[in-house]
C-alpha atoms as a PDB file:
ATOM      1  CA  UNK A   1     -14.548  -7.205  30.451  1.00  0.00           C
ATOM      2  CA  UNK A   2     -15.977  -9.685  27.923  1.00  0.00           C
ATOM      3  CA  UNK A   3     -18.731  -7.191  27.141  1.00  0.00           C
ATOM      4  CA  UNK A   4     -16.121  -4.523  26.465  1.00  0.00           C
ATOM      5  CA  UNK A   5     -14.296  -6.875  24.092  1.00  0.00           C
ATOM      6  CA  UNK A   6     -17.563  -7.739  22.383  1.00  0.00           C
ATOM      7  CA  UNK A   7     -18.384  -4.036  22.044  1.00  0.00           C
ATOM      8  CA  UNK A   8     -14.979  -3.321  20.499  1.00  0.00           C
ATOM      9  CA  UNK A   9     -15.474  -6.194  18.047  1.00  0.00           C
ATOM     10  CA  UNK A  10     -18.948  -5.002  17.037  1.00  0.00           C
ATOM     11  CA  UNK A  11     -17.796  -1.388  16.691  1.00  0.00           C
ATOM     12  CA  UNK A  12     -14.916  -2.575  14.500  1.00  0.00           C
ATOM     13  CA  UNK A  13     -17.301  -4.581  12.332  1.00  0.00           C
ATOM     14  CA  UNK A  14     -19.622  -1.598  12.068  1.00  0.00           C
ATOM     15  CA  UNK A  15     -16.810   0.714  10.984  1.00  0.00           C
ATOM     16  CA  UNK A  16     -15.580  -1.835   8.459  1.00  0.00           C
ATOM     17  CA  UNK A  17     -19.081  -2.258   7.033  1.00  0.00           C
ATOM     18  CA  UNK A  18     -19.575   1.516   6.886  1.00  0.00           C
ATOM     19  CA  UNK A  19     -16.274   1.927   5.019  1.00  0.00           C
ATOM     20  CA  UNK A  20     -17.277  -0.798   2.546  1.00  0.00           C
ATOM     21  CA  UNK A  21     -20.648   0.868   1.991  1.00  0.00           C
ATOM     22  CA  UNK A  22     -18.989   4.221   1.289  1.00  0.00           C
ATOM     23  CA  UNK A  23     -16.567   2.628  -1.152  1.00  0.00           C
ATOM     24  CA  UNK A  24     -19.402   0.801  -2.893  1.00  0.00           C
ATOM     25  CA  UNK A  25     -21.461   4.002  -3.090  1.00  0.00           C
ATOM     26  CA  UNK A  26     -18.530   5.889  -4.620  1.00  0.00           C
ATOM     27  CA  UNK A  27     -17.779   3.193  -7.176  1.00  0.00           C
ATOM     28  CA  UNK A  28     -21.467   2.848  -8.046  1.00  0.00           C
ATOM     29  CA  UNK A  29     -21.771   6.605  -8.507  1.00  0.00           C
ATOM     30  CA  UNK A  30     -18.698   6.678 -10.740  1.00  0.00           C
ATOM     31  CA  UNK A  31     -19.966   3.750 -12.807  1.00  0.00           C
ATOM     32  CA  UNK A  32     -23.362   5.485 -13.156  1.00  0.00           C
ATOM     33  CA  UNK A  33     -21.620   8.661 -14.347  1.00  0.00           C
ATOM     34  CA  UNK A  34     -19.555   6.745 -16.907  1.00  0.00           C
ATOM     35  CA  UNK A  35     -22.619   4.970 -18.312  1.00  0.00           C
ATOM     36  CA  UNK A  36     -24.547   8.254 -18.356  1.00  0.00           C
ATOM     37  CA  UNK A  37     -21.793   9.990 -20.337  1.00  0.00           C
ATOM     38  CA  UNK A  38     -21.620   7.166 -22.903  1.00  0.00           C
ATOM     39  CA  UNK A  39     -25.400   7.233 -23.372  1.00  0.00           C
ATOM     40  CA  UNK A  40     -25.393  11.019 -23.496  1.00  0.00           C
ATOM     41  CA  UNK A  41     -22.783  11.054 -26.266  1.00  0.00           C
ATOM     42  CA  UNK A  42     -24.788   8.507 -28.273  1.00  0.00           C
ATOM     43  CA  UNK A  43     -27.939  10.613 -27.871  1.00  0.00           C
ATOM     44  CA  UNK A  44     -26.092  13.774 -28.918  1.00  0.00           C
ATOM     45  CA  UNK A  45     -24.755  12.005 -32.025  1.00  0.00           C
ATOM     46  CA  UNK A  46     -28.303  10.996 -32.968  1.00  0.00           C
ATOM     47  CA  UNK A  47     -29.522  14.556 -32.387  1.00  0.00           C
ATOM     48  CA  UNK A  48     -26.737  15.878 -34.634  1.00  0.00           C
ATOM     49  CA  UNK A  49     -27.839  13.463 -37.381  1.00  0.00           C
ATOM     50  CA  UNK A  50     -31.444  14.650 -37.081  1.00  0.00           C
ATOM     51  CA  UNK A  51     -30.357  18.301 -37.169  1.00  0.00           C
ATOM     52  CA  UNK A  52     -28.259  17.602 -40.267  1.00  0.00           C
ATOM     53  CA  UNK A  53     -31.253  15.974 -41.967  1.00  0.00           C
ATOM     54  CA  UNK A  54     -33.403  18.960 -40.956  1.00  0.00           C
ATOM     55  CA  UNK A  55     -30.847  21.334 -42.464  1.00  0.00           C
ATOM     56  CA  UNK A  56     -30.749  19.384 -45.726  1.00  0.00           C
ATOM     57  CA  UNK A  57     -34.543  19.341 -45.982  1.00  0.00           C
ATOM     58  CA  UNK A  58     -34.796  23.075 -45.321  1.00  0.00           C
ATOM     59  CA  UNK A  59     -32.011  24.139 -47.676  1.00  0.00           C
ATOM     60  CA  UNK A  60     -32.225  21.615 -50.525  1.00  0.00           C
ATOM     61  CA  UNK A  61     -35.869  20.588 -50.586  1.00  0.00           C
ATOM     62  CA  UNK A  62     -37.709  23.640 -49.312  1.00  0.00           C
ATOM     63  CA  UNK A  63     -35.208  26.314 -50.349  1.00  0.00           C
ATOM     64  CA  UNK A  64     -35.533  27.948 -46.958  1.00  0.00           C
ATOM     65  CA  UNK A  65     -32.736  29.318 -44.811  1.00  0.00           C
ATOM     66  CA  UNK A  66     -31.894  27.147 -41.819  1.00  0.00           C
ATOM     67  CA  UNK A  67     -30.540  28.115 -38.440  1.00  0.00           C
ATOM     68  CA  UNK A  68     -29.277  25.518 -36.039  1.00  0.00           C
ATOM     69  CA  UNK A  69     -31.351  25.593 -32.851  1.00  0.00           C
ATOM     70  CA  UNK A  70     -29.466  26.039 -29.613  1.00  0.00           C
ATOM     71  CA  UNK A  71     -30.247  23.295 -27.120  1.00  0.00           C
ATOM     72  CA  UNK A  72     -28.806  23.749 -23.629  1.00  0.00           C
ATOM     73  CA  UNK A  73     -28.445  19.997 -23.121  1.00  0.00           C
ATOM     74  CA  UNK A  74     -26.033  19.691 -26.061  1.00  0.00           C
ATOM     75  CA  UNK A  75     -23.430  21.538 -23.969  1.00  0.00           C
ATOM     76  CA  UNK A  76     -24.074  19.476 -20.844  1.00  0.00           C
ATOM     77  CA  UNK A  77     -21.723  16.656 -19.875  1.00  0.00           C
ATOM     78  CA  UNK A  78     -22.728  14.236 -17.140  1.00  0.00           C
ATOM     79  CA  UNK A  79     -25.848  13.695 -15.073  1.00  0.00           C
ATOM     80  CA  UNK A  80     -28.203  16.588 -14.559  1.00  0.00           C
ATOM     81  CA  UNK A  81     -28.832  18.191 -11.213  1.00  0.00           C
ATOM     82  CA  UNK A  82     -27.576  21.229  -9.411  1.00  0.00           C
ATOM     83  CA  UNK A  83     -24.911  21.302  -6.750  1.00  0.00           C
ATOM     84  CA  UNK A  84     -27.579  22.003  -4.112  1.00  0.00           C
ATOM     85  CA  UNK A  85     -29.347  18.725  -4.978  1.00  0.00           C
ATOM     86  CA  UNK A  86     -26.057  16.843  -4.874  1.00  0.00           C
ATOM     87  CA  UNK A  87     -25.118  18.380  -1.527  1.00  0.00           C
ATOM     88  CA  UNK A  88     -28.482  17.454  -0.010  1.00  0.00           C
ATOM     89  CA  UNK A  89     -28.177  13.896  -1.309  1.00  0.00           C
ATOM     90  CA  UNK A  90     -24.663  13.567   0.125  1.00  0.00           C
ATOM     91  CA  UNK A  91     -25.802  14.874   3.504  1.00  0.00           C
ATOM     92  CA  UNK A  92     -28.673  12.403   3.586  1.00  0.00           C
ATOM     93  CA  UNK A  93     -26.391   9.523   2.581  1.00  0.00           C
ATOM     94  CA  UNK A  94     -23.880  10.485   5.272  1.00  0.00           C
ATOM     95  CA  UNK A  95     -26.581  10.568   7.934  1.00  0.00           C
ATOM     96  CA  UNK A  96     -27.887   7.178   6.861  1.00  0.00           C
ATOM     97  CA  UNK A  97     -24.391   5.669   6.869  1.00  0.00           C
ATOM     98  CA  UNK A  98     -23.763   7.019  10.335  1.00  0.00           C
ATOM     99  CA  UNK A  99     -27.003   5.503  11.570  1.00  0.00           C
ATOM    100  CA  UNK A 100     -28.817   8.818  12.022  1.00  0.00           C
END
């Protein structure tokens, strides 16, 4: 009977720890995303400045027509990575949290 009580206590502690780990992982992931987005916006602003300088040099100094290049990452918001990669990472994290 004391072993059963001890088992219940340990299982409860395990579940509590697992729930804390999940919460921490979620909050860490959200914080990472927020920091990424701030850094990404700063980088995009710097890229826009460089493109503006490039345009000025082409048009005013060289007298050449200028076309703005299309960069795929200028339309991106948030960390890179496909949904397949994210799904695989979530599956792995779930297995690790469950002790598998």
